[in-house]
Amino acid sequence: MNGPVVALYAEFTALPGHEGDVARLLQDLTTHVRREAGCIRFDPYQLVSNPAAFFVSEEYRDPAAFDAHRAAAYGAEFNRQLGSLIAGDGSTLTFLTPLV
């Protein structure tokens, strides 16, 4: 499956006392994701005004690259570990359409 770039951001909030755990998980995940052939950009952030809030900006070459990213075993392990450290049922994903 080929097509346009897949751009999105993910947001989630660490439970109290787990901000460092979430940051470490994200740092490890970033190392893996940036090695993916179809990854254009994977940039995690922790909000200055609220250290429990995390934001990840992502961009993939095409839908097939995004599908490969989602199928990676290290991503599944990240999500498994993250689940008990954040509020809610997981990351909130917002998909974007590039304007230029």
PDB file of N, CA and C in Angstrom:
ATOM      1  N   MET A   1       0.851  -1.165   0.000  1.00  0.00           N
ATOM      2  CA  MET A   1       0.000   0.000   0.000  1.00  0.00           C
ATOM      3  C   MET A   1       0.904   1.238   0.000  1.00  0.00           C
ATOM      4  N   ASN A   2       0.817   2.053  -1.015  1.00  0.00           N
ATOM      5  CA  ASN A   2       1.543   3.313  -1.067  1.00  0.00           C
ATOM      6  C   ASN A   2       0.540   4.448  -1.083  1.00  0.00           C
ATOM      7  N   GLY A   3       1.012   5.624  -0.775  1.00  0.00           N
ATOM      8  CA  GLY A   3       0.116   6.765  -0.746  1.00  0.00           C
ATOM      9  C   GLY A   3       0.809   7.933  -0.099  1.00  0.00           C
ATOM     10  N   PRO A   4       0.022   8.883   0.344  1.00  0.00           N
ATOM     11  CA  PRO A   4       0.593  10.095   0.929  1.00  0.00           C
ATOM     12  C   PRO A   4       1.261   9.826   2.271  1.00  0.00           C
ATOM     13  N   VAL A   5       2.064  10.769   2.666  1.00  0.00           N
ATOM     14  CA  VAL A   5       2.710  10.735   3.970  1.00  0.00           C
ATOM     15  C   VAL A   5       1.651  10.597   5.057  1.00  0.00           C
ATOM     16  N   VAL A   6       1.959   9.837   6.098  1.00  0.00           N
ATOM     17  CA  VAL A   6       1.086   9.724   7.260  1.00  0.00           C
ATOM     18  C   VAL A   6       1.705  10.588   8.358  1.00  0.00           C
ATOM     19  N   ALA A   7       0.979  11.619   8.767  1.00  0.00           N
ATOM     20  CA  ALA A   7       1.434  12.529   9.818  1.00  0.00           C
ATOM     21  C   ALA A   7       0.416  12.513  10.951  1.00  0.00           C
ATOM     22  N   LEU A   8       0.914  12.501  12.181  1.00  0.00           N
ATOM     23  CA  LEU A   8       0.037  12.464  13.329  1.00  0.00           C
ATOM     24  C   LEU A   8       0.774  12.921  14.571  1.00  0.00           C
ATOM     25  N   TYR A   9      -0.003  13.146  15.621  1.00  0.00           N
ATOM     26  CA  TYR A   9       0.612  13.310  16.928  1.00  0.00           C
ATOM     27  C   TYR A   9      -0.152  12.476  17.938  1.00  0.00           C
ATOM     28  N   ALA A  10       0.594  12.030  18.942  1.00  0.00           N
ATOM     29  CA  ALA A  10       0.034  11.238  20.024  1.00  0.00           C
ATOM     30  C   ALA A  10       0.182  12.023  21.315  1.00  0.00           C
ATOM     31  N   GLU A  11      -0.824  11.932  22.160  1.00  0.00           N
ATOM     32  CA  GLU A  11      -0.798  12.614  23.450  1.00  0.00           C
ATOM     33  C   GLU A  11      -1.218  11.639  24.535  1.00  0.00           C
ATOM     34  N   PHE A  12      -0.577  11.750  25.691  1.00  0.00           N
ATOM     35  CA  PHE A  12      -0.979  10.973  26.854  1.00  0.00           C
ATOM     36  C   PHE A  12      -0.430  11.637  28.099  1.00  0.00           C
ATOM     37  N   THR A  13      -1.006  11.263  29.238  1.00  0.00           N
ATOM     38  CA  THR A  13      -0.646  11.873  30.511  1.00  0.00           C
ATOM     39  C   THR A  13      -0.225  10.794  31.496  1.00  0.00           C
ATOM     40  N   ALA A  14       0.975  10.950  32.060  1.00  0.00           N
ATOM     41  CA  ALA A  14       1.479  10.004  33.049  1.00  0.00           C
ATOM     42  C   ALA A  14       0.684  10.113  34.344  1.00  0.00           C
ATOM     43  N   LEU A  15       0.502   8.988  34.989  1.00  0.00           N
ATOM     44  CA  LEU A  15      -0.087   9.001  36.320  1.00  0.00           C
ATOM     45  C   LEU A  15       0.911   9.638  37.285  1.00  0.00           C
ATOM     46  N   PRO A  16       0.430  10.227  38.374  1.00  0.00           N
ATOM     47  CA  PRO A  16       1.331  10.880  39.326  1.00  0.00           C
ATOM     48  C   PRO A  16       2.465   9.950  39.772  1.00  0.00           C
ATOM     49  N   GLY A  17       3.672  10.477  39.718  1.00  0.00           N
ATOM     50  CA  GLY A  17       4.849   9.728  40.123  1.00  0.00           C
ATOM     51  C   GLY A  17       5.475   8.875  39.042  1.00  0.00           C
ATOM     52  N   HIS A  18       4.856   8.806  37.861  1.00  0.00           N
ATOM     53  CA  HIS A  18       5.368   7.951  36.781  1.00  0.00           C
ATOM     54  C   HIS A  18       5.930   8.739  35.599  1.00  0.00           C
ATOM     55  N   GLU A  19       6.118  10.023  35.771  1.00  0.00           N
ATOM     56  CA  GLU A  19       6.622  10.864  34.677  1.00  0.00           C
ATOM     57  C   GLU A  19       7.977  10.377  34.172  1.00  0.00           C
ATOM     58  N   GLY A  20       8.885  10.039  35.081  1.00  0.00           N
ATOM     59  CA  GLY A  20      10.209   9.553  34.693  1.00  0.00           C
ATOM     60  C   GLY A  20      10.155   8.215  33.985  1.00  0.00           C
ATOM     61  N   ASP A  21       9.268   7.325  34.445  1.00  0.00           N
ATOM     62  CA  ASP A  21       9.110   6.015  33.799  1.00  0.00           C
ATOM     63  C   ASP A  21       8.638   6.183  32.358  1.00  0.00           C
ATOM     64  N   VAL A  22       7.666   7.050  32.162  1.00  0.00           N
ATOM     65  CA  VAL A  22       7.130   7.289  30.816  1.00  0.00           C
ATOM     66  C   VAL A  22       8.212   7.905  29.934  1.00  0.00           C
ATOM     67  N   ALA A  23       8.953   8.855  30.463  1.00  0.00           N
ATOM     68  CA  ALA A  23      10.028   9.492  29.683  1.00  0.00           C
ATOM     69  C   ALA A  23      11.062   8.456  29.254  1.00  0.00           C
ATOM     70  N   ARG A  24      11.444   7.553  30.149  1.00  0.00           N
ATOM     71  CA  ARG A  24      12.429   6.521  29.801  1.00  0.00           C
ATOM     72  C   ARG A  24      11.884   5.570  28.732  1.00  0.00           C
ATOM     73  N   LEU A  25      10.627   5.171  28.864  1.00  0.00           N
ATOM     74  CA  LEU A  25      10.025   4.310  27.835  1.00  0.00           C
ATOM     75  C   LEU A  25      10.031   4.994  26.477  1.00  0.00           C
ATOM     76  N   LEU A  26       9.683   6.282  26.462  1.00  0.00           N
ATOM     77  CA  LEU A  26       9.659   7.031  25.201  1.00  0.00           C
ATOM     78  C   LEU A  26      11.052   7.165  24.596  1.00  0.00           C
ATOM     79  N   GLN A  27      12.046   7.382  25.426  1.00  0.00           N
ATOM     80  CA  GLN A  27      13.416   7.493  24.921  1.00  0.00           C
ATOM     81  C   GLN A  27      13.845   6.196  24.251  1.00  0.00           C
ATOM     82  N   ASP A  28      13.527   5.064  24.874  1.00  0.00           N
ATOM     83  CA  ASP A  28      13.876   3.768  24.297  1.00  0.00           C
ATOM     84  C   ASP A  28      13.109   3.531  23.000  1.00  0.00           C
ATOM     85  N   LEU A  29      11.811   3.817  23.004  1.00  0.00           N
ATOM     86  CA  LEU A  29      11.005   3.633  21.793  1.00  0.00           C
ATOM     87  C   LEU A  29      11.533   4.498  20.652  1.00  0.00           C
ATOM     88  N   THR A  30      11.910   5.713  20.956  1.00  0.00           N
ATOM     89  CA  THR A  30      12.404   6.634  19.933  1.00  0.00           C
ATOM     90  C   THR A  30      13.607   6.058  19.200  1.00  0.00           C
ATOM     91  N   THR A  31      14.510   5.434  19.932  1.00  0.00           N
ATOM     92  CA  THR A  31      15.691   4.821  19.317  1.00  0.00           C
ATOM     93  C   THR A  31      15.278   3.794  18.269  1.00  0.00           C
ATOM     94  N   HIS A  32      14.293   2.970  18.597  1.00  0.00           N
ATOM     95  CA  HIS A  32      13.823   1.944  17.656  1.00  0.00           C
ATOM     96  C   HIS A  32      13.100   2.564  16.460  1.00  0.00           C
ATOM     97  N   VAL A  33      12.155   3.455  16.735  1.00  0.00           N
ATOM     98  CA  VAL A  33      11.308   3.996  15.667  1.00  0.00           C
ATOM     99  C   VAL A  33      12.134   4.786  14.657  1.00  0.00           C
ATOM    100  N   ARG A  34      13.087   5.555  15.118  1.00  0.00           N
ATOM    101  CA  ARG A  34      13.900   6.347  14.193  1.00  0.00           C
ATOM    102  C   ARG A  34      14.739   5.486  13.259  1.00  0.00           C
ATOM    103  N   ARG A  35      14.902   4.212  13.572  1.00  0.00           N
ATOM    104  CA  ARG A  35      15.623   3.278  12.690  1.00  0.00           C
ATOM    105  C   ARG A  35      14.721   2.654  11.630  1.00  0.00           C
ATOM    106  N   GLU A  36      13.416   2.829  11.754  1.00  0.00           N
ATOM    107  CA  GLU A  36      12.488   2.251  10.783  1.00  0.00           C
ATOM    108  C   GLU A  36      12.705   2.896   9.417  1.00  0.00           C
ATOM    109  N   ALA A  37      12.727   2.069   8.396  1.00  0.00           N
ATOM    110  CA  ALA A  37      12.982   2.559   7.036  1.00  0.00           C
ATOM    111  C   ALA A  37      11.975   3.630   6.610  1.00  0.00           C
ATOM    112  N   GLY A  38      10.732   3.507   7.041  1.00  0.00           N
ATOM    113  CA  GLY A  38       9.695   4.439   6.605  1.00  0.00           C
ATOM    114  C   GLY A  38       9.447   5.611   7.529  1.00  0.00           C
ATOM    115  N   CYS A  39      10.226   5.714   8.596  1.00  0.00           N
ATOM    116  CA  CYS A  39      10.041   6.816   9.540  1.00  0.00           C
ATOM    117  C   CYS A  39      10.742   8.069   9.020  1.00  0.00           C
ATOM    118  N   ILE A  40       9.982   9.136   8.882  1.00  0.00           N
ATOM    119  CA  ILE A  40      10.541  10.433   8.500  1.00  0.00           C
ATOM    120  C   ILE A  40      10.893  11.219   9.755  1.00  0.00           C
ATOM    121  N   ARG A  41       9.991  11.146  10.737  1.00  0.00           N
ATOM    122  CA  ARG A  41      10.190  11.921  11.964  1.00  0.00           C
ATOM    123  C   ARG A  41       9.451  11.262  13.118  1.00  0.00           C
ATOM    124  N   PHE A  42      10.106  11.199  14.266  1.00  0.00           N
ATOM    125  CA  PHE A  42       9.486  10.714  15.505  1.00  0.00           C
ATOM    126  C   PHE A  42      10.103  11.536  16.622  1.00  0.00           C
ATOM    127  N   ASP A  43       9.365  12.533  17.112  1.00  0.00           N
ATOM    128  CA  ASP A  43       9.885  13.505  18.075  1.00  0.00           C
ATOM    129  C   ASP A  43       8.996  13.552  19.317  1.00  0.00           C
ATOM    130  N   PRO A  44       9.468  12.955  20.425  1.00  0.00           N
ATOM    131  CA  PRO A  44       8.700  12.999  21.669  1.00  0.00           C
ATOM    132  C   PRO A  44       9.029  14.246  22.484  1.00  0.00           C
ATOM    133  N   TYR A  45       8.029  14.746  23.186  1.00  0.00           N
ATOM    134  CA  TYR A  45       8.178  15.937  24.025  1.00  0.00           C
ATOM    135  C   TYR A  45       7.461  15.723  25.349  1.00  0.00           C
ATOM    136  N   GLN A  46       7.961  16.399  26.368  1.00  0.00           N
ATOM    137  CA  GLN A  46       7.305  16.483  27.665  1.00  0.00           C
ATOM    138  C   GLN A  46       6.970  17.952  27.863  1.00  0.00           C
ATOM    139  N   LEU A  47       5.747  18.262  28.201  1.00  0.00           N
ATOM    140  CA  LEU A  47       5.337  19.655  28.312  1.00  0.00           C
ATOM    141  C   LEU A  47       6.016  20.348  29.491  1.00  0.00           C
ATOM    142  N   VAL A  48       6.516  21.545  29.247  1.00  0.00           N
ATOM    143  CA  VAL A  48       7.180  22.327  30.283  1.00  0.00           C
ATOM    144  C   VAL A  48       6.190  22.688  31.388  1.00  0.00           C
ATOM    145  N   SER A  49       5.000  23.095  31.004  1.00  0.00           N
ATOM    146  CA  SER A  49       4.010  23.561  31.976  1.00  0.00           C
ATOM    147  C   SER A  49       3.334  22.422  32.748  1.00  0.00           C
ATOM    148  N   ASN A  50       3.468  21.177  32.253  1.00  0.00           N
ATOM    149  CA  ASN A  50       2.849  20.024  32.907  1.00  0.00           C
ATOM    150  C   ASN A  50       3.693  18.793  32.601  1.00  0.00           C
ATOM    151  N   PRO A  51       4.707  18.478  33.416  1.00  0.00           N
ATOM    152  CA  PRO A  51       5.621  17.369  33.139  1.00  0.00           C
ATOM    153  C   PRO A  51       4.952  15.992  33.047  1.00  0.00           C
ATOM    154  N   ALA A  52       3.700  15.883  33.446  1.00  0.00           N
ATOM    155  CA  ALA A  52       2.994  14.614  33.301  1.00  0.00           C
ATOM    156  C   ALA A  52       2.452  14.435  31.886  1.00  0.00           C
ATOM    157  N   ALA A  53       2.406  15.512  31.109  1.00  0.00           N
ATOM    158  CA  ALA A  53       1.829  15.476  29.756  1.00  0.00           C
ATOM    159  C   ALA A  53       2.920  15.244  28.718  1.00  0.00           C
ATOM    160  N   PHE A  54       2.658  14.301  27.820  1.00  0.00           N
ATOM    161  CA  PHE A  54       3.607  13.946  26.760  1.00  0.00           C
ATOM    162  C   PHE A  54       2.946  14.122  25.401  1.00  0.00           C
ATOM    163  N   PHE A  55       3.762  14.468  24.423  1.00  0.00           N
ATOM    164  CA  PHE A  55       3.318  14.762  23.063  1.00  0.00           C
ATOM    165  C   PHE A  55       4.353  14.160  22.118  1.00  0.00           C
ATOM    166  N   VAL A  56       3.920  13.396  21.130  1.00  0.00           N
ATOM    167  CA  VAL A  56       4.839  12.793  20.165  1.00  0.00           C
ATOM    168  C   VAL A  56       4.380  13.175  18.763  1.00  0.00           C
ATOM    169  N   SER A  57       5.266  13.837  18.029  1.00  0.00           N
ATOM    170  CA  SER A  57       5.004  14.209  16.642  1.00  0.00           C
ATOM    171  C   SER A  57       5.624  13.137  15.755  1.00  0.00           C
ATOM    172  N   GLU A  58       4.812  12.584  14.834  1.00  0.00           N
ATOM    173  CA  GLU A  58       5.267  11.462  14.011  1.00  0.00           C
ATOM    174  C   GLU A  58       4.959  11.698  12.535  1.00  0.00           C
ATOM    175  N   GLU A  59       5.836  11.187  11.681  1.00  0.00           N
ATOM    176  CA  GLU A  59       5.600  11.258  10.245  1.00  0.00           C
ATOM    177  C   GLU A  59       6.236  10.033   9.596  1.00  0.00           C
ATOM    178  N   TYR A  60       5.459   9.397   8.702  1.00  0.00           N
ATOM    179  CA  TYR A  60       5.899   8.183   8.026  1.00  0.00           C
ATOM    180  C   TYR A  60       5.764   8.362   6.516  1.00  0.00           C
ATOM    181  N   ARG A  61       6.613   7.709   5.774  1.00  0.00           N
ATOM    182  CA  ARG A  61       6.727   7.839   4.318  1.00  0.00           C
ATOM    183  C   ARG A  61       5.392   7.613   3.607  1.00  0.00           C
ATOM    184  N   ASP A  62       4.620   6.633   4.077  1.00  0.00           N
ATOM    185  CA  ASP A  62       3.352   6.281   3.437  1.00  0.00           C
ATOM    186  C   ASP A  62       2.566   5.373   4.386  1.00  0.00           C
ATOM    187  N   PRO A  63       1.334   5.029   4.031  1.00  0.00           N
ATOM    188  CA  PRO A  63       0.547   4.162   4.915  1.00  0.00           C
ATOM    189  C   PRO A  63       1.209   2.811   5.195  1.00  0.00           C
ATOM    190  N   ALA A  64       1.927   2.251   4.231  1.00  0.00           N
ATOM    191  CA  ALA A  64       2.594   0.971   4.464  1.00  0.00           C
ATOM    192  C   ALA A  64       3.671   1.114   5.531  1.00  0.00           C
ATOM    193  N   ALA A  65       4.386   2.223   5.523  1.00  0.00           N
ATOM    194  CA  ALA A  65       5.412   2.459   6.541  1.00  0.00           C
ATOM    195  C   ALA A  65       4.762   2.618   7.912  1.00  0.00           C
ATOM    196  N   PHE A  66       3.624   3.287   7.960  1.00  0.00           N
ATOM    197  CA  PHE A  66       2.915   3.443   9.234  1.00  0.00           C
ATOM    198  C   PHE A  66       2.405   2.090   9.715  1.00  0.00           C
ATOM    199  N   ASP A  67       1.893   1.268   8.810  1.00  0.00           N
ATOM    200  CA  ASP A  67       1.435  -0.073   9.183  1.00  0.00           C
ATOM    201  C   ASP A  67       2.589  -0.901   9.739  1.00  0.00           C
ATOM    202  N   ALA A  68       3.766  -0.792   9.114  1.00  0.00           N
ATOM    203  CA  ALA A  68       4.947  -1.519   9.606  1.00  0.00           C
ATOM    204  C   ALA A  68       5.330  -1.025  10.997  1.00  0.00           C
ATOM    205  N   HIS A  69       5.250   0.273  11.201  1.00  0.00           N
ATOM    206  CA  HIS A  69       5.531   0.842  12.520  1.00  0.00           C
ATOM    207  C   HIS A  69       4.581   0.267  13.567  1.00  0.00           C
ATOM    208  N   ARG A  70       3.315   0.236  13.246  1.00  0.00           N
ATOM    209  CA  ARG A  70       2.310  -0.257  14.197  1.00  0.00           C
ATOM    210  C   ARG A  70       2.461  -1.747  14.472  1.00  0.00           C
ATOM    211  N   ALA A  71       3.047  -2.493  13.538  1.00  0.00           N
ATOM    212  CA  ALA A  71       3.205  -3.939  13.700  1.00  0.00           C
ATOM    213  C   ALA A  71       4.487  -4.329  14.432  1.00  0.00           C
ATOM    214  N   ALA A  72       5.363  -3.381  14.694  1.00  0.00           N
ATOM    215  CA  ALA A  72       6.650  -3.689  15.312  1.00  0.00           C
ATOM    216  C   ALA A  72       6.463  -4.219  16.733  1.00  0.00           C
ATOM    217  N   ALA A  73       7.189  -5.270  17.066  1.00  0.00           N
ATOM    218  CA  ALA A  73       7.081  -5.894  18.386  1.00  0.00           C
ATOM    219  C   ALA A  73       7.471  -4.921  19.502  1.00  0.00           C
ATOM    220  N   TYR A  74       8.459  -4.085  19.280  1.00  0.00           N
ATOM    221  CA  TYR A  74       8.871  -3.146  20.326  1.00  0.00           C
ATOM    222  C   TYR A  74       7.788  -2.106  20.593  1.00  0.00           C
ATOM    223  N   GLY A  75       6.977  -1.788  19.603  1.00  0.00           N
ATOM    224  CA  GLY A  75       5.856  -0.874  19.812  1.00  0.00           C
ATOM    225  C   GLY A  75       4.783  -1.510  20.679  1.00  0.00           C
ATOM    226  N   ALA A  76       4.519  -2.784  20.435  1.00  0.00           N
ATOM    227  CA  ALA A  76       3.534  -3.505  21.252  1.00  0.00           C
ATOM    228  C   ALA A  76       4.009  -3.582  22.699  1.00  0.00           C
ATOM    229  N   GLU A  77       5.288  -3.822  22.885  1.00  0.00           N
ATOM    230  CA  GLU A  77       5.840  -3.891  24.246  1.00  0.00           C
ATOM    231  C   GLU A  77       5.778  -2.522  24.923  1.00  0.00           C
ATOM    232  N   PHE A  78       6.081  -1.467  24.171  1.00  0.00           N
ATOM    233  CA  PHE A  78       5.969  -0.107  24.703  1.00  0.00           C
ATOM    234  C   PHE A  78       4.541   0.150  25.173  1.00  0.00           C
ATOM    235  N   ASN A  79       3.561  -0.148  24.338  1.00  0.00           N
ATOM    236  CA  ASN A  79       2.160   0.089  24.688  1.00  0.00           C
ATOM    237  C   ASN A  79       1.726  -0.742  25.888  1.00  0.00           C
ATOM    238  N   ARG A  80       2.230  -1.972  25.976  1.00  0.00           N
ATOM    239  CA  ARG A  80       1.895  -2.830  27.115  1.00  0.00           C
ATOM    240  C   ARG A  80       2.400  -2.198  28.411  1.00  0.00           C
ATOM    241  N   GLN A  81       3.656  -1.754  28.404  1.00  0.00           N
ATOM    242  CA  GLN A  81       4.236  -1.148  29.598  1.00  0.00           C
ATOM    243  C   GLN A  81       3.609   0.214  29.898  1.00  0.00           C
ATOM    244  N   LEU A  82       3.344   0.978  28.861  1.00  0.00           N
ATOM    245  CA  LEU A  82       2.796   2.318  29.036  1.00  0.00           C
ATOM    246  C   LEU A  82       1.405   2.286  29.671  1.00  0.00           C
ATOM    247  N   GLY A  83       0.628   1.282  29.340  1.00  0.00           N
ATOM    248  CA  GLY A  83      -0.769   1.222  29.769  1.00  0.00           C
ATOM    249  C   GLY A  83      -0.983   1.413  31.253  1.00  0.00           C
ATOM    250  N   SER A  84      -0.103   0.880  32.071  1.00  0.00           N
ATOM    251  CA  SER A  84      -0.287   0.995  33.524  1.00  0.00           C
ATOM    252  C   SER A  84       0.316   2.272  34.095  1.00  0.00           C
ATOM    253  N   LEU A  85       0.958   3.067  33.242  1.00  0.00           N
ATOM    254  CA  LEU A  85       1.651   4.280  33.704  1.00  0.00           C
ATOM    255  C   LEU A  85       0.937   5.571  33.328  1.00  0.00           C
ATOM    256  N   ILE A  86      -0.123   5.470  32.512  1.00  0.00           N
ATOM    257  CA  ILE A  86      -0.799   6.678  32.029  1.00  0.00           C
ATOM    258  C   ILE A  86      -2.286   6.665  32.363  1.00  0.00           C
ATOM    259  N   ALA A  87      -2.846   7.848  32.338  1.00  0.00           N
ATOM    260  CA  ALA A  87      -4.288   8.007  32.553  1.00  0.00           C
ATOM    261  C   ALA A  87      -5.037   7.574  31.297  1.00  0.00           C
ATOM    262  N   GLY A  88      -6.196   7.007  31.460  1.00  0.00           N
ATOM    263  CA  GLY A  88      -7.029   6.633  30.321  1.00  0.00           C
ATOM    264  C   GLY A  88      -6.649   5.294  29.735  1.00  0.00           C
ATOM    265  N   ASP A  89      -7.190   5.053  28.544  1.00  0.00           N
ATOM    266  CA  ASP A  89      -7.027   3.761  27.881  1.00  0.00           C
ATOM    267  C   ASP A  89      -5.871   3.714  26.892  1.00  0.00           C
ATOM    268  N   GLY A  90      -5.079   4.752  26.806  1.00  0.00           N
ATOM    269  CA  GLY A  90      -3.954   4.767  25.871  1.00  0.00           C
ATOM    270  C   GLY A  90      -3.762   6.143  25.282  1.00  0.00           C
ATOM    271  N   SER A  91      -2.911   6.204  24.298  1.00  0.00           N
ATOM    272  CA  SER A  91      -2.608   7.468  23.624  1.00  0.00           C
ATOM    273  C   SER A  91      -3.814   7.961  22.842  1.00  0.00           C
ATOM    274  N   THR A  92      -3.953   9.263  22.764  1.00  0.00           N
ATOM    275  CA  THR A  92      -4.917   9.876  21.862  1.00  0.00           C
ATOM    276  C   THR A  92      -4.152  10.239  20.597  1.00  0.00           C
ATOM    277  N   LEU A  93      -4.578   9.688  19.471  1.00  0.00           N
ATOM    278  CA  LEU A  93      -3.916   9.945  18.185  1.00  0.00           C
ATOM    279  C   LEU A  93      -4.727  10.943  17.386  1.00  0.00           C
ATOM    280  N   THR A  94      -4.029  11.933  16.826  1.00  0.00           N
ATOM    281  CA  THR A  94      -4.646  12.914  15.954  1.00  0.00           C
ATOM    282  C   THR A  94      -3.914  12.891  14.621  1.00  0.00           C
ATOM    283  N   PHE A  95      -4.612  12.521  13.559  1.00  0.00           N
ATOM    284  CA  PHE A  95      -4.005  12.441  12.233  1.00  0.00           C
ATOM    285  C   PHE A  95      -4.102  13.797  11.540  1.00  0.00           C
ATOM    286  N   LEU A  96      -3.069  14.118  10.777  1.00  0.00           N
ATOM    287  CA  LEU A  96      -2.935  15.432  10.160  1.00  0.00           C
ATOM    288  C   LEU A  96      -2.796  15.326   8.646  1.00  0.00           C
ATOM    289  N   THR A  97      -3.199  16.357   7.961  1.00  0.00           N
ATOM    290  CA  THR A  97      -2.981  16.469   6.506  1.00  0.00           C
ATOM    291  C   THR A  97      -2.004  17.611   6.277  1.00  0.00           C
ATOM    292  N   PRO A  98      -0.831  17.302   5.701  1.00  0.00           N
ATOM    293  CA  PRO A  98       0.120  18.387   5.427  1.00  0.00           C
ATOM    294  C   PRO A  98      -0.473  19.387   4.442  1.00  0.00           C
ATOM    295  N   LEU A  99      -0.226  20.665   4.667  1.00  0.00           N
ATOM    296  CA  LEU A  99      -0.737  21.715   3.783  1.00  0.00           C
ATOM    297  C   LEU A  99       0.236  22.063   2.670  1.00  0.00           C
ATOM    298  N   VAL A 100       1.503  21.772   2.869  1.00  0.00           N
ATOM    299  CA  VAL A 100       2.501  22.044   1.814  1.00  0.00           C
ATOM    300  C   VAL A 100       3.421  20.865   1.676  1.00  0.00           C
TER     301      VAL A 100
END
